[in-house]
N, C-alpha and C. Protein backbone atom coordinates (compact mmCIF):
# COMPACT_ATOMS: atom_id res chain seq x y z
N MET A 1 2.41 14.75 -22.71
CA MET A 1 2.95 13.07 -22.24
C MET A 1 3.99 13.32 -21.28
N ALA A 2 4.03 12.66 -20.45
CA ALA A 2 5.12 12.79 -19.24
C ALA A 2 6.40 12.37 -19.61
N ASP A 3 7.48 13.14 -19.41
CA ASP A 3 8.66 12.43 -19.70
C ASP A 3 9.43 11.57 -18.67
N VAL A 4 10.61 10.75 -18.58
CA VAL A 4 11.17 10.17 -17.77
C VAL A 4 11.54 10.89 -16.58
N THR A 5 12.04 12.17 -16.70
CA THR A 5 12.13 13.00 -15.47
C THR A 5 10.94 13.26 -14.68
N ASP A 6 9.87 13.40 -15.28
CA ASP A 6 8.44 13.45 -14.55
C ASP A 6 7.91 12.26 -13.93
N ASN A 7 8.31 10.96 -14.74
CA ASN A 7 7.98 9.90 -13.85
C ASN A 7 9.01 9.56 -12.65
N ALA A 8 10.28 10.06 -12.89
CA ALA A 8 11.36 9.68 -11.84
C ALA A 8 10.63 10.56 -10.40
N SER A 9 10.53 11.84 -10.78
CA SER A 9 9.97 12.70 -9.68
C SER A 9 8.81 12.21 -9.07
N ASP A 10 7.93 11.78 -9.69
CA ASP A 10 6.58 11.13 -9.22
C ASP A 10 7.16 9.84 -8.25
N VAL A 11 7.86 9.15 -8.55
CA VAL A 11 8.17 7.93 -8.03
C VAL A 11 9.10 8.23 -6.68
N GLU A 12 10.04 9.22 -7.04
CA GLU A 12 10.71 9.62 -5.72
C GLU A 12 9.76 10.33 -4.89
N ALA A 13 8.85 11.03 -5.11
CA ALA A 13 7.81 11.70 -4.49
C ALA A 13 6.96 10.58 -3.54
N GLN A 14 6.71 9.29 -4.22
CA GLN A 14 5.91 8.34 -3.54
C GLN A 14 6.74 7.75 -2.39
N PHE A 15 8.00 7.67 -2.70
CA PHE A 15 8.98 7.18 -1.55
C PHE A 15 9.15 7.84 -0.42
N ILE A 16 9.28 8.98 -0.82
CA ILE A 16 9.29 10.27 0.41
C ILE A 16 8.34 9.92 1.23
N GLU A 17 7.06 10.09 0.58
CA GLU A 17 5.67 9.92 1.46
C GLU A 17 5.52 8.69 2.08
N MET A 18 6.05 7.55 1.61
CA MET A 18 6.10 6.32 2.47
C MET A 18 7.12 6.43 3.29
N ALA A 19 8.01 6.96 3.46
CA ALA A 19 9.06 6.98 4.68
C ALA A 19 8.51 7.99 5.43
N LEU A 20 8.03 9.07 5.19
CA LEU A 20 7.49 9.73 6.18
C LEU A 20 6.11 9.47 6.92
N ASN A 21 5.45 8.61 5.98
CA ASN A 21 4.26 7.92 6.88
C ASN A 21 4.81 6.89 8.02
N GLN A 22 6.02 6.24 7.66
CA GLN A 22 6.70 5.27 8.50
C GLN A 22 7.35 5.95 9.83
N GLN A 23 7.93 6.70 9.38
CA GLN A 23 8.49 7.75 10.44
C GLN A 23 7.32 8.40 11.59
N ARG A 24 6.17 8.79 10.84
CA ARG A 24 5.19 9.44 11.61
C ARG A 24 4.65 8.13 12.63
N ALA A 25 4.27 6.94 11.92
CA ALA A 25 3.87 5.85 13.01
C ALA A 25 4.73 5.72 13.79
N LYS A 26 6.21 5.69 13.73
CA LYS A 26 7.08 5.29 14.89
C LYS A 26 6.87 6.55 15.85
N THR A 27 6.80 7.71 15.42
CA THR A 27 6.73 8.76 16.52
C THR A 27 5.40 8.76 17.34
N GLN A 28 4.19 8.38 16.71
CA GLN A 28 3.21 8.28 17.38
C GLN A 28 3.17 7.28 18.30
N ALA A 29 3.88 6.19 18.00
CA ALA A 29 3.94 4.76 18.91
C ALA A 29 4.93 5.11 19.87
N SER A 30 5.91 5.95 19.87
CA SER A 30 6.79 6.47 20.86
C SER A 30 5.97 7.35 21.78
N ALA A 31 5.26 8.27 21.21
CA ALA A 31 4.49 9.35 22.12
C ALA A 31 3.47 8.52 22.83
N ALA A 32 3.02 7.54 22.43
CA ALA A 32 1.89 6.78 23.20
C ALA A 32 2.70 5.97 24.24
N GLY A 33 4.00 6.00 24.16
CA GLY A 33 4.73 4.98 25.25
C GLY A 33 4.58 3.59 24.91
N GLU A 34 4.53 3.23 23.65
CA GLU A 34 4.58 1.58 23.35
C GLU A 34 5.89 1.50 22.96
N SER A 35 6.15 -0.01 23.09
CA SER A 35 7.35 -0.35 22.65
C SER A 35 7.13 -0.55 21.14
N ALA A 36 8.35 -0.63 20.36
CA ALA A 36 8.36 -0.75 19.10
C ALA A 36 8.46 -2.23 18.70
N GLU A 37 7.51 -2.77 17.52
CA GLU A 37 7.63 -4.06 17.45
C GLU A 37 8.69 -4.64 16.30
N LYS A 38 9.37 -3.51 15.94
CA LYS A 38 10.47 -3.78 14.91
C LYS A 38 11.74 -2.80 15.30
N CYS A 39 12.66 -3.41 15.35
CA CYS A 39 13.97 -2.53 15.93
C CYS A 39 13.99 -1.68 14.84
N GLN A 40 14.48 -0.35 15.54
CA GLN A 40 14.60 0.76 14.63
C GLN A 40 15.88 0.79 14.08
N GLU A 41 16.92 0.07 14.25
CA GLU A 41 18.03 -0.10 13.83
C GLU A 41 18.29 -1.09 12.80
N CYS A 42 18.05 -2.27 12.96
CA CYS A 42 17.89 -3.03 11.90
C CYS A 42 16.74 -3.92 11.40
N GLY A 43 15.63 -3.51 11.75
CA GLY A 43 14.27 -3.91 11.33
C GLY A 43 13.71 -5.17 11.80
N ASP A 44 14.44 -6.10 12.60
CA ASP A 44 14.00 -7.34 12.98
C ASP A 44 13.14 -6.95 14.00
N THR A 45 12.06 -8.09 13.97
CA THR A 45 11.02 -8.01 15.25
C THR A 45 11.63 -8.04 16.62
N ILE A 46 11.43 -7.34 17.48
CA ILE A 46 11.65 -7.54 18.88
C ILE A 46 10.73 -8.43 19.68
N PRO A 47 11.26 -9.33 20.20
CA PRO A 47 10.50 -10.58 21.00
C PRO A 47 9.56 -9.72 21.93
N GLU A 48 8.34 -10.31 22.06
CA GLU A 48 7.41 -9.85 22.79
C GLU A 48 8.06 -9.67 24.50
N ALA A 49 8.71 -10.95 24.77
CA ALA A 49 9.29 -10.85 26.11
C ALA A 49 9.94 -9.41 26.36
N ARG A 50 10.82 -9.15 25.49
CA ARG A 50 11.40 -8.10 25.78
C ARG A 50 10.77 -6.65 25.68
N ARG A 51 9.56 -6.62 25.00
CA ARG A 51 8.85 -5.47 24.92
C ARG A 51 8.16 -5.41 26.04
N LYS A 52 7.85 -6.55 26.72
CA LYS A 52 7.10 -6.64 28.06
C LYS A 52 7.96 -6.29 29.21
N ALA A 53 9.41 -6.76 29.28
CA ALA A 53 10.13 -6.60 30.08
C ALA A 53 10.70 -5.21 30.17
N ILE A 54 11.05 -4.63 28.87
CA ILE A 54 11.47 -3.13 28.89
C ILE A 54 10.61 -2.28 28.19
N PRO A 55 9.54 -1.66 28.83
CA PRO A 55 8.55 -0.95 28.33
C PRO A 55 9.35 0.42 27.46
N HIS A 56 8.95 0.75 26.40
CA HIS A 56 9.25 1.75 25.46
C HIS A 56 10.49 1.37 24.70
N CYS A 57 10.77 0.18 24.70
CA CYS A 57 12.08 -0.15 24.00
C CYS A 57 12.01 -0.06 22.40
N ARG A 58 13.08 0.31 21.80
CA ARG A 58 13.05 0.63 20.45
C ARG A 58 14.18 -0.05 19.54
N TYR A 59 14.86 -1.00 20.12
CA TYR A 59 15.92 -1.59 19.63
C TYR A 59 15.99 -3.27 20.16
N CYS A 60 16.42 -4.06 19.13
CA CYS A 60 16.59 -5.46 19.62
C CYS A 60 17.60 -5.63 20.53
N THR A 61 17.92 -6.82 21.18
CA THR A 61 18.94 -6.89 22.13
C THR A 61 20.29 -6.72 21.53
N SER A 62 20.23 -7.36 20.27
CA SER A 62 21.79 -7.01 19.75
C SER A 62 22.29 -5.57 19.17
N CYS A 63 21.38 -5.04 18.76
CA CYS A 63 21.62 -3.79 18.33
C CYS A 63 21.49 -2.66 19.55
N GLN A 64 20.76 -2.92 20.73
CA GLN A 64 20.96 -2.37 21.98
C GLN A 64 22.30 -2.21 22.49
N ARG A 65 22.76 -3.35 22.35
CA ARG A 65 24.07 -3.82 22.87
C ARG A 65 25.25 -3.15 22.23
N GLU A 66 25.11 -3.00 20.93
CA GLU A 66 26.24 -2.24 20.07
C GLU A 66 25.84 -0.70 20.23
N LEU A 67 24.90 -0.26 20.42
CA LEU A 67 24.44 1.28 20.92
C LEU A 67 25.08 1.50 22.26
N GLU A 68 25.18 0.70 23.15
CA GLU A 68 25.49 1.05 24.66
C GLU A 68 27.05 0.84 24.58
N ARG A 69 27.87 0.25 23.60
CA ARG A 69 29.22 0.22 23.42
C ARG A 69 29.99 1.57 23.39
């Protein structure tokens, strides 16, 4: 029977796998030259108008402004 430590290790492995899959998806979108739909800093949706106006954008306007300071 699995103990608490084994269960915790399994849950941790699942979280790591999910995070890796999300990062792979971001990397693939970046390599394909697509703009991100979600800001990589805050996670908010990047408006379509911004994505069309600024190809390959990765951040919402607010986060981009903060990063450029």
